[in-house]
Amino acid sequence: MCRLTRSVFAGTVVALTSVVLIGALMTMSSAPAQAMAEADEPAPPADQEYTGAKECASCHFKQFMSWKKDKHSQTFDLLPAKYQKDAKCLKCHTTGYGEPTGYKEEADAALKGTTCEACHGPGSKHGEICKAFGKEKLNEAQEKEARDSIWMMLPKNVCVTCHTLKAHKESETPKELQTKK
């Protein structure tokens, strides 16, 4: 019996060590790739303000109309009234909640829901830069200036900030609002 216990213990130690080593190797090999991807995209200008999806729609109408049909545009409206002032809910059901120019109250209607800026970051400078170009076809330098004024995608896994169950974290969604799977 003693030999069997030692064998099981030794096997468990070897298995756990293998898992830890594989995990460490995977982390180390993905870190340079992630750093490289972030390095390819320069950070947009600092001190931008949230503007709301309608501002984005003035140039990105097709994307806006697609978003309007998506549940992300309705995330605030899906909240029962008793949760529409709950900070734990507002961080995912509005845009920029907790940020200086993000959603604060009902009057910030342009930032209700999970808008463009939830994934791309505040876009005030992007809007200013692009409006200066008007409707003209952009040359390569103008295109670069426009693209570098906002994130293509924020440099973190934005989705799992709110989609916590898929990220293997405990959900802050009240139990009565959680969908049954």
N, C-alpha and C. Protein backbone atom coordinates (compact mmCIF):
# COMPACT_ATOMS: atom_id res chain seq x y z
N MET A 1 0.82 -1.19 0.00
CA MET A 1 0.00 0.00 0.00
C MET A 1 0.86 1.25 0.00
N CYS A 2 1.96 1.19 0.72
CA CYS A 2 2.86 2.32 0.81
C CYS A 2 3.47 2.64 -0.55
N ARG A 3 3.84 1.61 -1.32
CA ARG A 3 4.42 1.83 -2.65
C ARG A 3 3.42 2.49 -3.58
N LEU A 4 2.19 2.06 -3.50
CA LEU A 4 1.14 2.63 -4.34
C LEU A 4 0.95 4.11 -4.02
N THR A 5 0.92 4.46 -2.76
CA THR A 5 0.76 5.85 -2.34
C THR A 5 1.92 6.69 -2.84
N ARG A 6 3.14 6.18 -2.71
CA ARG A 6 4.32 6.90 -3.21
C ARG A 6 4.25 7.08 -4.72
N SER A 7 3.82 6.06 -5.42
CA SER A 7 3.71 6.13 -6.88
C SER A 7 2.69 7.18 -7.30
N VAL A 8 1.55 7.18 -6.64
CA VAL A 8 0.50 8.16 -6.94
C VAL A 8 1.02 9.57 -6.65
N PHE A 9 1.68 9.74 -5.51
CA PHE A 9 2.22 11.05 -5.14
C PHE A 9 3.26 11.51 -6.17
N ALA A 10 4.18 10.63 -6.53
CA ALA A 10 5.22 10.97 -7.51
C ALA A 10 4.58 11.32 -8.86
N GLY A 11 3.59 10.55 -9.27
CA GLY A 11 2.90 10.82 -10.53
C GLY A 11 2.20 12.18 -10.51
N THR A 12 1.59 12.49 -9.39
CA THR A 12 0.91 13.79 -9.24
C THR A 12 1.91 14.93 -9.32
N VAL A 13 3.04 14.80 -8.65
CA VAL A 13 4.08 15.83 -8.67
C VAL A 13 4.58 16.04 -10.10
N VAL A 14 4.85 14.97 -10.82
CA VAL A 14 5.33 15.06 -12.20
C VAL A 14 4.28 15.74 -13.08
N ALA A 15 3.03 15.37 -12.92
CA ALA A 15 1.95 15.95 -13.73
C ALA A 15 1.81 17.44 -13.46
N LEU A 16 1.80 17.83 -12.19
CA LEU A 16 1.67 19.26 -11.84
C LEU A 16 2.87 20.06 -12.33
N THR A 17 4.05 19.51 -12.19
CA THR A 17 5.26 20.19 -12.67
C THR A 17 5.18 20.40 -14.18
N SER A 18 4.71 19.40 -14.88
CA SER A 18 4.57 19.50 -16.34
C SER A 18 3.58 20.60 -16.72
N VAL A 19 2.46 20.65 -16.04
CA VAL A 19 1.44 21.68 -16.31
C VAL A 19 2.02 23.07 -16.08
N VAL A 20 2.72 23.25 -14.97
CA VAL A 20 3.32 24.55 -14.65
C VAL A 20 4.35 24.94 -15.71
N LEU A 21 5.21 24.02 -16.10
CA LEU A 21 6.22 24.31 -17.11
C LEU A 21 5.61 24.65 -18.47
N ILE A 22 4.62 23.89 -18.87
CA ILE A 22 3.95 24.16 -20.16
C ILE A 22 3.28 25.51 -20.11
N GLY A 23 2.60 25.82 -19.01
CA GLY A 23 1.96 27.13 -18.86
C GLY A 23 2.97 28.26 -18.93
N ALA A 24 4.09 28.10 -18.26
CA ALA A 24 5.14 29.14 -18.28
C ALA A 24 5.69 29.33 -19.68
N LEU A 25 5.93 28.23 -20.39
CA LEU A 25 6.45 28.33 -21.76
C LEU A 25 5.45 29.02 -22.68
N MET A 26 4.18 28.69 -22.52
CA MET A 26 3.15 29.32 -23.36
C MET A 26 3.07 30.81 -23.08
N THR A 27 3.15 31.20 -21.82
CA THR A 27 3.11 32.61 -21.45
C THR A 27 4.31 33.35 -22.03
N MET A 28 5.48 32.75 -21.89
CA MET A 28 6.69 33.39 -22.39
C MET A 28 6.66 33.52 -23.90
N SER A 29 6.14 32.53 -24.60
CA SER A 29 6.15 32.60 -26.06
C SER A 29 5.08 33.55 -26.58
N SER A 30 3.98 33.76 -25.84
CA SER A 30 2.94 34.67 -26.33
C SER A 30 3.23 36.12 -25.94
N ALA A 31 3.99 36.35 -24.89
CA ALA A 31 4.28 37.71 -24.46
C ALA A 31 5.00 38.53 -25.53
N PRO A 32 6.06 38.01 -26.18
CA PRO A 32 6.70 38.80 -27.22
C PRO A 32 5.76 39.10 -28.39
N ALA A 33 4.91 38.15 -28.75
CA ALA A 33 3.97 38.36 -29.86
C ALA A 33 2.99 39.47 -29.51
N GLN A 34 2.49 39.47 -28.27
CA GLN A 34 1.56 40.50 -27.85
C GLN A 34 2.26 41.86 -27.80
N ALA A 35 3.47 41.90 -27.27
CA ALA A 35 4.22 43.15 -27.20
C ALA A 35 4.49 43.68 -28.60
N MET A 36 4.81 42.77 -29.54
CA MET A 36 5.06 43.19 -30.92
C MET A 36 3.80 43.76 -31.55
N ALA A 37 2.65 43.12 -31.32
CA ALA A 37 1.39 43.60 -31.89
C ALA A 37 1.07 44.99 -31.35
N GLU A 38 1.29 45.20 -30.05
CA GLU A 38 1.04 46.51 -29.47
C GLU A 38 2.03 47.54 -29.99
N ALA A 39 3.26 47.13 -30.25
CA ALA A 39 4.27 48.05 -30.76
C ALA A 39 3.95 48.48 -32.19
N ASP A 40 3.26 47.62 -32.96
CA ASP A 40 2.90 47.97 -34.33
C ASP A 40 1.91 49.12 -34.38
N GLU A 41 1.12 49.28 -33.35
CA GLU A 41 0.11 50.33 -33.32
C GLU A 41 0.51 51.36 -32.28
N PRO A 42 0.83 52.59 -32.73
CA PRO A 42 1.22 53.62 -31.76
C PRO A 42 0.02 54.03 -30.90
N ALA A 43 0.30 54.47 -29.70
CA ALA A 43 -0.77 54.94 -28.81
C ALA A 43 -1.36 56.22 -29.38
N PRO A 44 -2.69 56.35 -29.35
CA PRO A 44 -3.32 57.57 -29.82
C PRO A 44 -2.98 58.75 -28.91
N PRO A 45 -3.29 59.96 -29.34
CA PRO A 45 -3.02 61.12 -28.48
C PRO A 45 -3.70 60.96 -27.12
N ALA A 46 -3.07 61.46 -26.10
CA ALA A 46 -3.62 61.39 -24.74
C ALA A 46 -4.73 62.42 -24.57
N ASP A 47 -5.38 62.38 -23.46
CA ASP A 47 -6.42 63.35 -23.08
C ASP A 47 -7.59 63.42 -24.06
N GLN A 48 -7.98 62.28 -24.58
CA GLN A 48 -9.15 62.27 -25.46
C GLN A 48 -10.41 62.17 -24.61
N GLU A 49 -11.53 62.56 -25.19
CA GLU A 49 -12.81 62.49 -24.51
C GLU A 49 -13.71 61.52 -25.26
N TYR A 50 -14.65 60.93 -24.52
CA TYR A 50 -15.66 60.07 -25.14
C TYR A 50 -16.66 60.96 -25.87
N THR A 51 -17.07 60.53 -27.05
CA THR A 51 -17.99 61.34 -27.86
C THR A 51 -19.32 60.65 -28.12
N GLY A 52 -19.37 59.35 -28.11
CA GLY A 52 -20.60 58.62 -28.37
C GLY A 52 -20.66 58.07 -29.78
N ALA A 53 -21.48 57.05 -29.98
CA ALA A 53 -21.55 56.34 -31.26
C ALA A 53 -22.06 57.20 -32.41
N LYS A 54 -22.92 58.17 -32.12
CA LYS A 54 -23.45 59.00 -33.22
C LYS A 54 -22.35 59.82 -33.87
N GLU A 55 -21.37 60.23 -33.09
CA GLU A 55 -20.21 60.95 -33.65
C GLU A 55 -19.46 60.02 -34.60
N CYS A 56 -19.28 58.78 -34.19
CA CYS A 56 -18.59 57.80 -35.03
C CYS A 56 -19.37 57.56 -36.32
N ALA A 57 -20.71 57.55 -36.20
CA ALA A 57 -21.58 57.26 -37.35
C ALA A 57 -21.44 58.29 -38.46
N SER A 58 -21.00 59.50 -38.13
CA SER A 58 -20.88 60.52 -39.17
C SER A 58 -19.90 60.11 -40.27
N CYS A 59 -18.95 59.24 -39.95
CA CYS A 59 -18.01 58.72 -40.97
C CYS A 59 -18.15 57.20 -41.15
N HIS A 60 -18.50 56.52 -40.09
CA HIS A 60 -18.54 55.06 -40.11
C HIS A 60 -20.00 54.57 -40.04
N PHE A 61 -20.82 55.04 -40.97
CA PHE A 61 -22.25 54.78 -40.93
C PHE A 61 -22.59 53.30 -41.06
N LYS A 62 -21.92 52.61 -41.96
CA LYS A 62 -22.19 51.18 -42.16
C LYS A 62 -21.92 50.40 -40.86
N GLN A 63 -20.80 50.68 -40.21
CA GLN A 63 -20.46 50.02 -38.96
C GLN A 63 -21.46 50.39 -37.85
N PHE A 64 -21.89 51.66 -37.85
CA PHE A 64 -22.88 52.13 -36.87
C PHE A 64 -24.19 51.37 -37.02
N MET A 65 -24.65 51.21 -38.25
CA MET A 65 -25.92 50.52 -38.49
C MET A 65 -25.81 49.04 -38.09
N SER A 66 -24.67 48.44 -38.31
CA SER A 66 -24.43 47.06 -37.89
C SER A 66 -24.47 46.97 -36.36
N TRP A 67 -23.83 47.92 -35.70
CA TRP A 67 -23.81 47.96 -34.23
C TRP A 67 -25.21 48.16 -33.67
N LYS A 68 -26.02 49.00 -34.30
CA LYS A 68 -27.38 49.27 -33.82
C LYS A 68 -28.22 47.99 -33.77
N LYS A 69 -27.91 47.02 -34.64
CA LYS A 69 -28.65 45.76 -34.68
C LYS A 69 -28.07 44.74 -33.68
N ASP A 70 -26.95 45.05 -33.10
CA ASP A 70 -26.24 44.14 -32.21
C ASP A 70 -26.68 44.39 -30.76
N LYS A 71 -26.61 43.35 -29.93
CA LYS A 71 -26.99 43.49 -28.51
C LYS A 71 -26.12 44.51 -27.77
N HIS A 72 -24.90 44.74 -28.24
CA HIS A 72 -24.03 45.69 -27.55
C HIS A 72 -24.64 47.09 -27.52
N SER A 73 -25.41 47.44 -28.53
CA SER A 73 -26.04 48.77 -28.54
C SER A 73 -27.15 48.87 -27.51
N GLN A 74 -27.65 47.75 -27.04
CA GLN A 74 -28.80 47.72 -26.13
C GLN A 74 -28.43 47.33 -24.71
N THR A 75 -27.17 47.23 -24.40
CA THR A 75 -26.79 46.69 -23.09
C THR A 75 -27.37 47.50 -21.93
N PHE A 76 -27.45 48.81 -22.07
CA PHE A 76 -28.01 49.62 -20.99
C PHE A 76 -29.51 49.37 -20.87
N ASP A 77 -30.20 49.35 -22.00
CA ASP A 77 -31.65 49.16 -22.00
C ASP A 77 -32.06 47.77 -21.50
N LEU A 78 -31.16 46.81 -21.57
CA LEU A 78 -31.45 45.46 -21.08
C LEU A 78 -31.42 45.39 -19.54
N LEU A 79 -30.83 46.40 -18.91
CA LEU A 79 -30.76 46.41 -17.45
C LEU A 79 -32.11 46.79 -16.85
N PRO A 80 -32.60 46.03 -15.88
CA PRO A 80 -33.80 46.46 -15.17
C PRO A 80 -33.52 47.80 -14.47
N ALA A 81 -34.54 48.61 -14.29
CA ALA A 81 -34.39 49.96 -13.72
C ALA A 81 -33.59 49.97 -12.41
N LYS A 82 -33.80 48.96 -11.56
CA LYS A 82 -33.11 48.98 -10.26
C LYS A 82 -31.59 48.81 -10.39
N TYR A 83 -31.11 48.39 -11.56
CA TYR A 83 -29.67 48.22 -11.75
C TYR A 83 -29.05 49.32 -12.62
N GLN A 84 -29.85 50.25 -13.11
CA GLN A 84 -29.34 51.28 -14.02
C GLN A 84 -28.50 52.36 -13.35
N LYS A 85 -28.33 52.27 -12.05
CA LYS A 85 -27.44 53.18 -11.33
C LYS A 85 -26.37 52.41 -10.54
N ASP A 86 -26.34 51.10 -10.72
CA ASP A 86 -25.42 50.23 -10.00
C ASP A 86 -24.05 50.24 -10.70
N ALA A 87 -23.04 50.70 -10.00
CA ALA A 87 -21.69 50.82 -10.58
C ALA A 87 -21.18 49.49 -11.13
N LYS A 88 -21.50 48.38 -10.44
CA LYS A 88 -21.03 47.08 -10.93
C LYS A 88 -21.63 46.75 -12.29
N CYS A 89 -22.82 47.27 -12.57
CA CYS A 89 -23.48 47.01 -13.86
C CYS A 89 -23.05 48.03 -14.91
N LEU A 90 -22.91 49.28 -14.48
CA LEU A 90 -22.63 50.36 -15.44
C LEU A 90 -21.27 50.23 -16.12
N LYS A 91 -20.31 49.58 -15.46
CA LYS A 91 -19.00 49.46 -16.09
C LYS A 91 -19.05 48.62 -17.37
N CYS A 92 -20.04 47.74 -17.51
CA CYS A 92 -20.17 46.93 -18.73
C CYS A 92 -21.35 47.34 -19.61
N HIS A 93 -22.33 48.00 -19.04
CA HIS A 93 -23.53 48.33 -19.79
C HIS A 93 -23.55 49.78 -20.27
N THR A 94 -22.45 50.49 -20.08
CA THR A 94 -22.28 51.85 -20.61
C THR A 94 -20.85 51.96 -21.14
N THR A 95 -20.53 53.10 -21.71
CA THR A 95 -19.18 53.30 -22.25
C THR A 95 -18.43 54.33 -21.41
N GLY A 96 -17.26 53.94 -20.96
CA GLY A 96 -16.38 54.86 -20.23
C GLY A 96 -16.78 55.12 -18.80
N TYR A 97 -17.65 54.29 -18.24
CA TYR A 97 -18.06 54.51 -16.85
C TYR A 97 -16.82 54.48 -15.94
N GLY A 98 -16.72 55.47 -15.07
CA GLY A 98 -15.57 55.56 -14.17
C GLY A 98 -14.43 56.39 -14.73
N GLU A 99 -14.52 56.75 -16.00
CA GLU A 99 -13.50 57.61 -16.63
C GLU A 99 -14.00 59.06 -16.57
N PRO A 100 -13.09 60.04 -16.58
CA PRO A 100 -13.51 61.44 -16.44
C PRO A 100 -14.57 61.90 -17.46
N THR A 101 -14.47 61.45 -18.70
CA THR A 101 -15.44 61.91 -19.71
C THR A 101 -16.41 60.81 -20.13
N GLY A 102 -16.40 59.71 -19.39
CA GLY A 102 -17.29 58.59 -19.70
C GLY A 102 -18.68 58.77 -19.12
N TYR A 103 -19.48 57.73 -19.22
CA TYR A 103 -20.85 57.75 -18.73
C TYR A 103 -20.88 58.03 -17.23
N LYS A 104 -21.79 58.96 -16.83
CA LYS A 104 -21.95 59.28 -15.41
C LYS A 104 -23.40 59.14 -14.96
N GLU A 105 -24.32 59.54 -15.84
CA GLU A 105 -25.74 59.56 -15.46
C GLU A 105 -26.62 59.46 -16.70
N GLU A 106 -27.93 59.36 -16.48
CA GLU A 106 -28.91 59.22 -17.56
C GLU A 106 -28.72 60.27 -18.67
N ALA A 107 -28.29 61.45 -18.31
CA ALA A 107 -28.13 62.53 -19.29
C ALA A 107 -27.05 62.22 -20.33
N ASP A 108 -26.18 61.29 -20.02
CA ASP A 108 -25.11 60.90 -20.96
C ASP A 108 -25.62 59.84 -21.93
N ALA A 109 -26.74 60.12 -22.58
CA ALA A 109 -27.40 59.14 -23.45
C ALA A 109 -26.48 58.61 -24.55
N ALA A 110 -25.57 59.42 -25.05
CA ALA A 110 -24.68 59.00 -26.13
C ALA A 110 -23.73 57.89 -25.69
N LEU A 111 -23.59 57.70 -24.39
CA LEU A 111 -22.66 56.69 -23.88
C LEU A 111 -23.38 55.51 -23.23
N LYS A 112 -24.70 55.43 -23.41
CA LYS A 112 -25.44 54.27 -22.93
C LYS A 112 -25.15 53.11 -23.87
N GLY A 113 -25.00 51.94 -23.33
CA GLY A 113 -24.69 50.78 -24.15
C GLY A 113 -23.19 50.63 -24.33
N THR A 114 -22.82 49.55 -25.00
CA THR A 114 -21.41 49.26 -25.26
C THR A 114 -21.12 49.79 -26.66
N THR A 115 -20.65 51.02 -26.72
CA THR A 115 -20.47 51.72 -27.99
C THR A 115 -19.09 51.47 -28.60
N CYS A 116 -18.84 52.10 -29.73
CA CYS A 116 -17.58 51.99 -30.46
C CYS A 116 -16.37 52.23 -29.54
N GLU A 117 -16.51 53.24 -28.69
CA GLU A 117 -15.39 53.66 -27.85
C GLU A 117 -15.10 52.69 -26.70
N ALA A 118 -15.99 51.75 -26.44
CA ALA A 118 -15.71 50.72 -25.44
C ALA A 118 -14.56 49.84 -25.91
N CYS A 119 -14.44 49.66 -27.22
CA CYS A 119 -13.38 48.83 -27.79
C CYS A 119 -12.22 49.64 -28.35
N HIS A 120 -12.52 50.83 -28.86
CA HIS A 120 -11.50 51.64 -29.53
C HIS A 120 -10.95 52.77 -28.67
N GLY A 121 -11.53 53.00 -27.51
CA GLY A 121 -11.10 54.09 -26.63
C GLY A 121 -11.76 55.39 -27.03
N PRO A 122 -11.60 56.42 -26.20
CA PRO A 122 -12.21 57.72 -26.49
C PRO A 122 -11.75 58.24 -27.86
N GLY A 123 -12.67 58.90 -28.58
CA GLY A 123 -12.37 59.27 -29.96
C GLY A 123 -12.45 60.73 -30.32
N SER A 124 -12.38 61.64 -29.35
CA SER A 124 -12.53 63.07 -29.68
C SER A 124 -11.45 63.57 -30.63
N LYS A 125 -10.20 63.20 -30.40
CA LYS A 125 -9.11 63.67 -31.29
C LYS A 125 -9.24 63.02 -32.67
N HIS A 126 -9.64 61.76 -32.71
CA HIS A 126 -9.86 61.08 -33.99
C HIS A 126 -10.91 61.83 -34.80
N GLY A 127 -12.00 62.21 -34.13
CA GLY A 127 -13.06 62.97 -34.80
C GLY A 127 -12.56 64.31 -35.32
N GLU A 128 -11.81 65.02 -34.51
CA GLU A 128 -11.27 66.33 -34.91
C GLU A 128 -10.35 66.18 -36.13
N ILE A 129 -9.45 65.24 -36.06
CA ILE A 129 -8.48 65.03 -37.15
C ILE A 129 -9.20 64.67 -38.44
N CYS A 130 -10.14 63.75 -38.34
CA CYS A 130 -10.82 63.27 -39.54
C CYS A 130 -11.77 64.30 -40.14
N LYS A 131 -12.40 65.10 -39.30
CA LYS A 131 -13.30 66.16 -39.83
C LYS A 131 -12.51 67.19 -40.63
N ALA A 132 -11.27 67.41 -40.27
CA ALA A 132 -10.43 68.37 -41.01
C ALA A 132 -10.20 67.90 -42.45
N PHE A 133 -10.27 66.60 -42.68
CA PHE A 133 -10.07 66.05 -44.03
C PHE A 133 -11.34 66.15 -44.87
N GLY A 134 -12.46 66.36 -44.22
CA GLY A 134 -13.72 66.44 -44.96
C GLY A 134 -14.02 65.12 -45.66
N LYS A 135 -14.58 65.21 -46.83
CA LYS A 135 -14.97 64.01 -47.60
C LYS A 135 -13.91 63.59 -48.61
N GLU A 136 -12.78 64.30 -48.62
CA GLU A 136 -11.74 63.99 -49.61
C GLU A 136 -11.15 62.60 -49.42
N LYS A 137 -10.65 62.04 -50.49
CA LYS A 137 -9.94 60.75 -50.44
C LYS A 137 -8.61 61.02 -49.75
N LEU A 138 -8.29 60.23 -48.74
CA LEU A 138 -7.08 60.46 -47.97
C LEU A 138 -5.85 59.87 -48.66
N ASN A 139 -4.76 60.64 -48.61
CA ASN A 139 -3.50 60.09 -49.09
C ASN A 139 -2.90 59.23 -47.97
N GLU A 140 -1.78 58.60 -48.24
CA GLU A 140 -1.18 57.67 -47.28
C GLU A 140 -0.86 58.33 -45.93
N ALA A 141 -0.32 59.55 -45.96
CA ALA A 141 0.05 60.25 -44.73
C ALA A 141 -1.21 60.62 -43.93
N GLN A 142 -2.25 61.06 -44.60
CA GLN A 142 -3.50 61.41 -43.93
C GLN A 142 -4.16 60.16 -43.33
N GLU A 143 -4.13 59.08 -44.07
CA GLU A 143 -4.68 57.82 -43.59
C GLU A 143 -3.96 57.38 -42.31
N LYS A 144 -2.62 57.49 -42.30
CA LYS A 144 -1.84 57.13 -41.13
C LYS A 144 -2.18 58.04 -39.94
N GLU A 145 -2.31 59.34 -40.21
CA GLU A 145 -2.65 60.28 -39.14
C GLU A 145 -4.03 59.94 -38.54
N ALA A 146 -4.98 59.62 -39.40
CA ALA A 146 -6.33 59.26 -38.92
C ALA A 146 -6.28 57.97 -38.11
N ARG A 147 -5.62 56.95 -38.63
CA ARG A 147 -5.55 55.65 -37.94
C ARG A 147 -4.79 55.74 -36.62
N ASP A 148 -3.75 56.55 -36.57
CA ASP A 148 -2.95 56.66 -35.35
C ASP A 148 -3.62 57.52 -34.27
N SER A 149 -4.79 58.08 -34.57
CA SER A 149 -5.46 58.95 -33.60
C SER A 149 -6.47 58.19 -32.72
N ILE A 150 -6.61 56.88 -32.94
CA ILE A 150 -7.51 56.07 -32.13
C ILE A 150 -7.02 54.62 -32.19
N TRP A 151 -7.32 53.86 -31.15
CA TRP A 151 -6.91 52.46 -31.14
C TRP A 151 -7.73 51.67 -32.16
N MET A 152 -7.08 50.79 -32.89
CA MET A 152 -7.82 49.85 -33.73
C MET A 152 -8.58 48.91 -32.80
N MET A 153 -7.94 48.53 -31.70
CA MET A 153 -8.56 47.78 -30.61
C MET A 153 -7.71 48.09 -29.38
N LEU A 154 -8.35 48.40 -28.28
CA LEU A 154 -7.60 48.70 -27.06
C LEU A 154 -6.60 47.58 -26.77
N PRO A 155 -5.41 47.92 -26.28
CA PRO A 155 -4.35 46.92 -26.09
C PRO A 155 -4.51 46.05 -24.86
N LYS A 156 -5.67 45.52 -24.69
CA LYS A 156 -5.91 44.54 -23.63
C LYS A 156 -7.09 43.71 -24.13
N ASN A 157 -7.36 42.64 -23.50
CA ASN A 157 -8.47 41.81 -23.94
C ASN A 157 -9.77 42.43 -23.42
N VAL A 158 -10.27 43.40 -24.17
CA VAL A 158 -11.42 44.19 -23.78
C VAL A 158 -12.66 43.31 -23.54
N CYS A 159 -12.85 42.33 -24.36
CA CYS A 159 -14.06 41.49 -24.28
C CYS A 159 -14.22 40.83 -22.91
N VAL A 160 -13.13 40.27 -22.38
CA VAL A 160 -13.24 39.56 -21.11
C VAL A 160 -13.39 40.49 -19.92
N THR A 161 -13.27 41.79 -20.14
CA THR A 161 -13.55 42.73 -19.07
C THR A 161 -15.00 42.57 -18.61
N CYS A 162 -15.89 42.33 -19.56
CA CYS A 162 -17.31 42.16 -19.24
C CYS A 162 -17.80 40.73 -19.40
N HIS A 163 -17.31 40.05 -20.38
CA HIS A 163 -17.73 38.66 -20.62
C HIS A 163 -16.90 37.75 -19.71
N THR A 164 -17.13 37.90 -18.41
CA THR A 164 -16.29 37.24 -17.42
C THR A 164 -16.46 35.73 -17.36
N LEU A 165 -17.65 35.23 -17.62
CA LEU A 165 -17.82 33.78 -17.53
C LEU A 165 -16.98 33.06 -18.55
N LYS A 166 -16.78 33.67 -19.70
CA LYS A 166 -15.93 33.06 -20.72
C LYS A 166 -14.47 33.21 -20.33
N ALA A 167 -14.19 34.09 -19.38
CA ALA A 167 -12.82 34.31 -18.93
C ALA A 167 -12.53 33.54 -17.64
N HIS A 168 -13.45 32.68 -17.26
CA HIS A 168 -13.29 31.83 -16.07
C HIS A 168 -13.16 32.66 -14.79
N LYS A 169 -13.90 33.78 -14.75
CA LYS A 169 -13.94 34.60 -13.54
C LYS A 169 -15.36 34.54 -13.00
N GLU A 170 -15.52 34.95 -11.78
CA GLU A 170 -16.85 35.00 -11.18
C GLU A 170 -17.59 36.21 -11.74
N SER A 171 -18.81 36.00 -12.17
CA SER A 171 -19.62 37.07 -12.74
C SER A 171 -20.18 37.97 -11.65
N GLU A 172 -20.21 39.28 -11.91
CA GLU A 172 -20.82 40.23 -10.99
C GLU A 172 -22.30 40.43 -11.32
N THR A 173 -22.77 39.76 -12.37
CA THR A 173 -24.17 39.88 -12.75
C THR A 173 -25.04 39.25 -11.66
N PRO A 174 -26.06 40.00 -11.19
CA PRO A 174 -26.94 39.43 -10.17
C PRO A 174 -27.53 38.10 -10.65
N LYS A 175 -27.66 37.16 -9.75
CA LYS A 175 -28.12 35.81 -10.10
C LYS A 175 -29.43 35.82 -10.88
N GLU A 176 -30.37 36.71 -10.50
CA GLU A 176 -31.68 36.69 -11.18
C GLU A 176 -31.60 37.17 -12.63
N LEU A 177 -30.49 37.82 -13.00
CA LEU A 177 -30.33 38.31 -14.36
C LEU A 177 -29.46 37.40 -15.23
N GLN A 178 -28.81 36.45 -14.63
CA GLN A 178 -27.95 35.54 -15.39
C GLN A 178 -28.78 34.62 -16.25
N THR A 179 -28.36 34.45 -17.49
CA THR A 179 -29.09 33.55 -18.39
C THR A 179 -28.71 32.12 -18.06
N LYS A 180 -29.67 31.27 -18.18
CA LYS A 180 -29.43 29.84 -17.93
C LYS A 180 -28.86 29.22 -19.19
N LYS A 181 -27.78 28.47 -19.05
CA LYS A 181 -27.15 27.82 -20.22
C LYS A 181 -27.41 26.35 -20.18
